[in-house]
Structure formats: C-alpha cells, structure tokens
Amino acid sequence: MVNAALPFVVSLWKDETGSPLYATGELWIQGAFIIIALLAFVSVLTFRNRQNQFVINRLNMILNLILLGVFAYRSLNLSGESNISEKGIGMFIPVVSIVFLVLANKAIKKDEDLVKSVDRLR
C-alpha cells in the first residue's frame, strides 16, 4: 500500500534544471506504481485463500524488482548532469515494498503451516 500514494508525494529524482520529478511525470512509471498498489490491495482482499495471496505477493515482488531494476539502470546510465542530477528518496519505494511483501509472505506461510498442523490433529 506504500506504492499507492507515496510516489506521487516524494520525488523520484531531479532533472538537470533542478525541478523534482514525481511518478506522475512519466506514464509508465505511474502505471507501474498503480498496478503494484492494486495487486497489494487484491492480496489483502484474498485473505481467505492463502495460496492465492502468497502467489499475488510473489508477483508483486517481481514487479517491484523490475521497477527497481529500471530505476537502477536509469540512474546509472543517465547519471551526472545529462538527465538526472540528483536521485530522490522515492527511488527506494520498491525496496521498502519488497521488504514488506517478504514479511507478509512469511506470515502467510506461518498461518498456512498452523492451519495444516491443526488439520492433522483432527
């Protein structure tokens, strides 16, 4: 859910003129953040089916890794004063999202193991 609003408030980087660029600056970045946020919301709503929730979280992690890779590629290739003069804190939003998704998957797996152990006792 961090991806829903934070990229539109925190700047991703600053261009050569010094003006901050947000996720609304480019359509594909905005779309990626919205898709990631929607997947997180769908994952929260599928709490009754833990296996689907686990798979949705994994898909969300893959999308966050792709977005992080694109940010890293862009910041390394276009560094200096050519297009990006200062990296913003918004570029680390996918990292925070991945950490929370890993923690969520650990908790989902723990719940699934607990349910399986209770079913064995019956």
C-alpha atoms as a PDB file:
ATOM      1  CA  MET A   1       0.000   0.000   0.000  1.00  0.00           C
ATOM      2  CA  VAL A   2       3.055   2.241   0.217  1.00  0.00           C
ATOM      3  CA  ASN A   3       3.060   2.386  -3.567  1.00  0.00           C
ATOM      4  CA  ALA A   4      -0.432   3.875  -3.689  1.00  0.00           C
ATOM      5  CA  ALA A   5       0.335   7.428  -2.614  1.00  0.00           C
ATOM      6  CA  LEU A   6       3.970   7.898  -1.681  1.00  0.00           C
ATOM      7  CA  PRO A   7       5.480   8.009  -5.215  1.00  0.00           C
ATOM      8  CA  PHE A   8       3.179  10.887  -6.066  1.00  0.00           C
ATOM      9  CA  VAL A   9       4.293  12.876  -2.996  1.00  0.00           C
ATOM     10  CA  VAL A  10       8.026  12.064  -2.774  1.00  0.00           C
ATOM     11  CA  SER A  11      10.241  12.933  -5.735  1.00  0.00           C
ATOM     12  CA  LEU A  12      11.953  10.105  -7.601  1.00  0.00           C
ATOM     13  CA  TRP A  13      14.808  12.254  -8.897  1.00  0.00           C
ATOM     14  CA  LYS A  14      15.627  15.783 -10.033  1.00  0.00           C
ATOM     15  CA  ASP A  15      16.343  16.672 -13.615  1.00  0.00           C
ATOM     16  CA  GLU A  16      19.133  18.899 -14.936  1.00  0.00           C
ATOM     17  CA  THR A  17      17.160  22.065 -14.155  1.00  0.00           C
ATOM     18  CA  GLY A  18      16.733  21.035 -10.532  1.00  0.00           C
ATOM     19  CA  SER A  19      12.981  20.517 -10.693  1.00  0.00           C
ATOM     20  CA  PRO A  20      11.801  17.332  -8.925  1.00  0.00           C
ATOM     21  CA  LEU A  21      10.203  14.581 -10.989  1.00  0.00           C
ATOM     22  CA  TYR A  22       7.382  12.569  -9.467  1.00  0.00           C
ATOM     23  CA  ALA A  23       5.682   9.369 -10.599  1.00  0.00           C
ATOM     24  CA  THR A  24       3.158  11.488 -12.488  1.00  0.00           C
ATOM     25  CA  GLY A  25       5.964  12.715 -14.751  1.00  0.00           C
ATOM     26  CA  GLU A  26       6.021   9.585 -16.872  1.00  0.00           C
ATOM     27  CA  LEU A  27       3.014   7.459 -17.693  1.00  0.00           C
ATOM     28  CA  TRP A  28       4.707   4.038 -17.475  1.00  0.00           C
ATOM     29  CA  ILE A  29       6.135   4.771 -14.001  1.00  0.00           C
ATOM     30  CA  GLN A  30       2.734   5.950 -12.816  1.00  0.00           C
ATOM     31  CA  GLY A  31       1.110   2.839 -14.291  1.00  0.00           C
ATOM     32  CA  ALA A  32       3.651   0.534 -12.655  1.00  0.00           C
ATOM     33  CA  PHE A  33       3.072   2.065  -9.225  1.00  0.00           C
ATOM     34  CA  ILE A  34      -0.710   1.858  -9.654  1.00  0.00           C
ATOM     35  CA  ILE A  35      -0.552  -1.802 -10.750  1.00  0.00           C
ATOM     36  CA  ILE A  36       1.671  -2.653  -7.781  1.00  0.00           C
ATOM     37  CA  ALA A  37      -0.718  -0.876  -5.406  1.00  0.00           C
ATOM     38  CA  LEU A  38      -3.734  -2.665  -6.923  1.00  0.00           C
ATOM     39  CA  LEU A  39      -2.014  -6.036  -6.542  1.00  0.00           C
ATOM     40  CA  ALA A  40      -1.335  -5.253  -2.887  1.00  0.00           C
ATOM     41  CA  PHE A  41      -4.983  -4.318  -2.383  1.00  0.00           C
ATOM     42  CA  VAL A  42      -6.178  -7.514  -4.093  1.00  0.00           C
ATOM     43  CA  SER A  43      -3.791  -9.502  -1.930  1.00  0.00           C
ATOM     44  CA  VAL A  44      -5.308  -8.011   1.220  1.00  0.00           C
ATOM     45  CA  LEU A  45      -8.803  -8.880  -0.006  1.00  0.00           C
ATOM     46  CA  THR A  46      -7.909 -12.525  -0.710  1.00  0.00           C
ATOM     47  CA  PHE A  47      -7.239 -13.353   2.933  1.00  0.00           C
ATOM     48  CA  ARG A  48      -9.463 -16.450   2.774  1.00  0.00           C
ATOM     49  CA  ASN A  49      -7.321 -18.123   0.125  1.00  0.00           C
ATOM     50  CA  ARG A  50      -3.776 -18.014   1.481  1.00  0.00           C
ATOM     51  CA  GLN A  51      -2.207 -19.781  -1.510  1.00  0.00           C
ATOM     52  CA  ASN A  52      -3.542 -17.173  -3.947  1.00  0.00           C
ATOM     53  CA  GLN A  53      -2.465 -14.429  -1.573  1.00  0.00           C
ATOM     54  CA  PHE A  54       1.046 -15.901  -1.487  1.00  0.00           C
ATOM     55  CA  VAL A  55       1.203 -16.044  -5.308  1.00  0.00           C
ATOM     56  CA  ILE A  56      -0.104 -12.492  -5.694  1.00  0.00           C
ATOM     57  CA  ASN A  57       2.550 -11.255  -3.269  1.00  0.00           C
ATOM     58  CA  ARG A  58       5.251 -13.081  -5.235  1.00  0.00           C
ATOM     59  CA  LEU A  59       4.021 -11.473  -8.459  1.00  0.00           C
ATOM     60  CA  ASN A  60       4.041  -8.105  -6.723  1.00  0.00           C
ATOM     61  CA  MET A  61       7.640  -8.697  -5.598  1.00  0.00           C
ATOM     62  CA  ILE A  62       8.666  -9.487  -9.179  1.00  0.00           C
ATOM     63  CA  LEU A  63       7.040  -6.285 -10.444  1.00  0.00           C
ATOM     64  CA  ASN A  64       8.778  -4.286  -7.715  1.00  0.00           C
ATOM     65  CA  LEU A  65      12.122  -5.865  -8.642  1.00  0.00           C
ATOM     66  CA  ILE A  66      11.579  -4.939 -12.285  1.00  0.00           C
ATOM     67  CA  LEU A  67      10.721  -1.365 -11.318  1.00  0.00           C
ATOM     68  CA  LEU A  68      13.774  -1.206  -9.047  1.00  0.00           C
ATOM     69  CA  GLY A  69      15.954  -2.533 -11.870  1.00  0.00           C
ATOM     70  CA  VAL A  70      14.629   0.104 -14.246  1.00  0.00           C
ATOM     71  CA  PHE A  71      15.337   2.816 -11.663  1.00  0.00           C
ATOM     72  CA  ALA A  72      18.864   1.490 -11.099  1.00  0.00           C
ATOM     73  CA  TYR A  73      19.536   1.253 -14.839  1.00  0.00           C
ATOM     74  CA  ARG A  74      18.233   4.726 -15.396  1.00  0.00           C
ATOM     75  CA  SER A  75      20.200   6.251 -12.538  1.00  0.00           C
ATOM     76  CA  LEU A  76      23.458   4.533 -13.560  1.00  0.00           C
ATOM     77  CA  ASN A  77      23.245   5.200 -17.289  1.00  0.00           C
ATOM     78  CA  LEU A  78      21.926   8.715 -17.115  1.00  0.00           C
ATOM     79  CA  SER A  79      23.878   9.903 -14.105  1.00  0.00           C
ATOM     80  CA  GLY A  80      25.680  13.192 -13.843  1.00  0.00           C
ATOM     81  CA  GLU A  81      24.250  16.297 -15.393  1.00  0.00           C
ATOM     82  CA  SER A  82      22.853  14.670 -18.528  1.00  0.00           C
ATOM     83  CA  ASN A  83      19.296  13.905 -17.367  1.00  0.00           C
ATOM     84  CA  ILE A  84      19.367  13.068 -13.660  1.00  0.00           C
ATOM     85  CA  SER A  85      21.394  15.307 -11.429  1.00  0.00           C
ATOM     86  CA  GLU A  86      20.115  14.173  -8.028  1.00  0.00           C
ATOM     87  CA  LYS A  87      18.486  10.910  -7.022  1.00  0.00           C
ATOM     88  CA  GLY A  88      15.453  11.206  -4.771  1.00  0.00           C
ATOM     89  CA  ILE A  89      14.303   9.105  -1.866  1.00  0.00           C
ATOM     90  CA  GLY A  90      11.352   7.954  -3.959  1.00  0.00           C
ATOM     91  CA  MET A  91      13.608   5.556  -5.859  1.00  0.00           C
ATOM     92  CA  PHE A  92      13.754   3.360  -2.742  1.00  0.00           C
ATOM     93  CA  ILE A  93       9.994   2.851  -2.504  1.00  0.00           C
ATOM     94  CA  PRO A  94      10.192  -0.522  -4.322  1.00  0.00           C
ATOM     95  CA  VAL A  95      12.823  -1.686  -1.803  1.00  0.00           C
ATOM     96  CA  VAL A  96      10.526  -0.866   1.117  1.00  0.00           C
ATOM     97  CA  SER A  97       7.646  -2.569  -0.663  1.00  0.00           C
ATOM     98  CA  ILE A  98       9.706  -5.724  -1.283  1.00  0.00           C
ATOM     99  CA  VAL A  99      10.699  -5.910   2.388  1.00  0.00           C
ATOM    100  CA  PHE A 100       7.078  -5.659   3.495  1.00  0.00           C
ATOM    101  CA  LEU A 101       5.974  -8.235   0.920  1.00  0.00           C
ATOM    102  CA  VAL A 102       8.610 -10.685   2.162  1.00  0.00           C
ATOM    103  CA  LEU A 103       7.399 -10.181   5.730  1.00  0.00           C
ATOM    104  CA  ALA A 104       3.801 -10.698   4.606  1.00  0.00           C
ATOM    105  CA  ASN A 105       4.705 -13.921   2.798  1.00  0.00           C
ATOM    106  CA  LYS A 106       6.491 -15.213   5.885  1.00  0.00           C
ATOM    107  CA  ALA A 107       3.365 -14.555   7.954  1.00  0.00           C
ATOM    108  CA  ILE A 108       1.119 -16.186   5.328  1.00  0.00           C
ATOM    109  CA  LYS A 109       3.335 -19.271   5.280  1.00  0.00           C
ATOM    110  CA  LYS A 110       3.288 -19.372   9.076  1.00  0.00           C
ATOM    111  CA  ASP A 111      -0.528 -19.223   9.083  1.00  0.00           C
ATOM    112  CA  GLU A 112      -0.745 -21.929   6.435  1.00  0.00           C
ATOM    113  CA  ASP A 113       1.555 -24.192   8.457  1.00  0.00           C
ATOM    114  CA  LEU A 114      -0.555 -23.564  11.570  1.00  0.00           C
ATOM    115  CA  VAL A 115      -3.772 -24.493   9.752  1.00  0.00           C
ATOM    116  CA  LYS A 116      -2.167 -27.654   8.362  1.00  0.00           C
ATOM    117  CA  SER A 117      -0.958 -28.695  11.820  1.00  0.00           C
ATOM    118  CA  VAL A 118      -4.433 -28.216  13.297  1.00  0.00           C
ATOM    119  CA  ASP A 119      -5.966 -30.272  10.475  1.00  0.00           C
ATOM    120  CA  ARG A 120      -3.588 -33.135  11.295  1.00  0.00           C
ATOM    121  CA  LEU A 121      -4.882 -33.235  14.872  1.00  0.00           C
ATOM    122  CA  ARG A 122      -8.478 -33.776  13.806  1.00  0.00           C
END
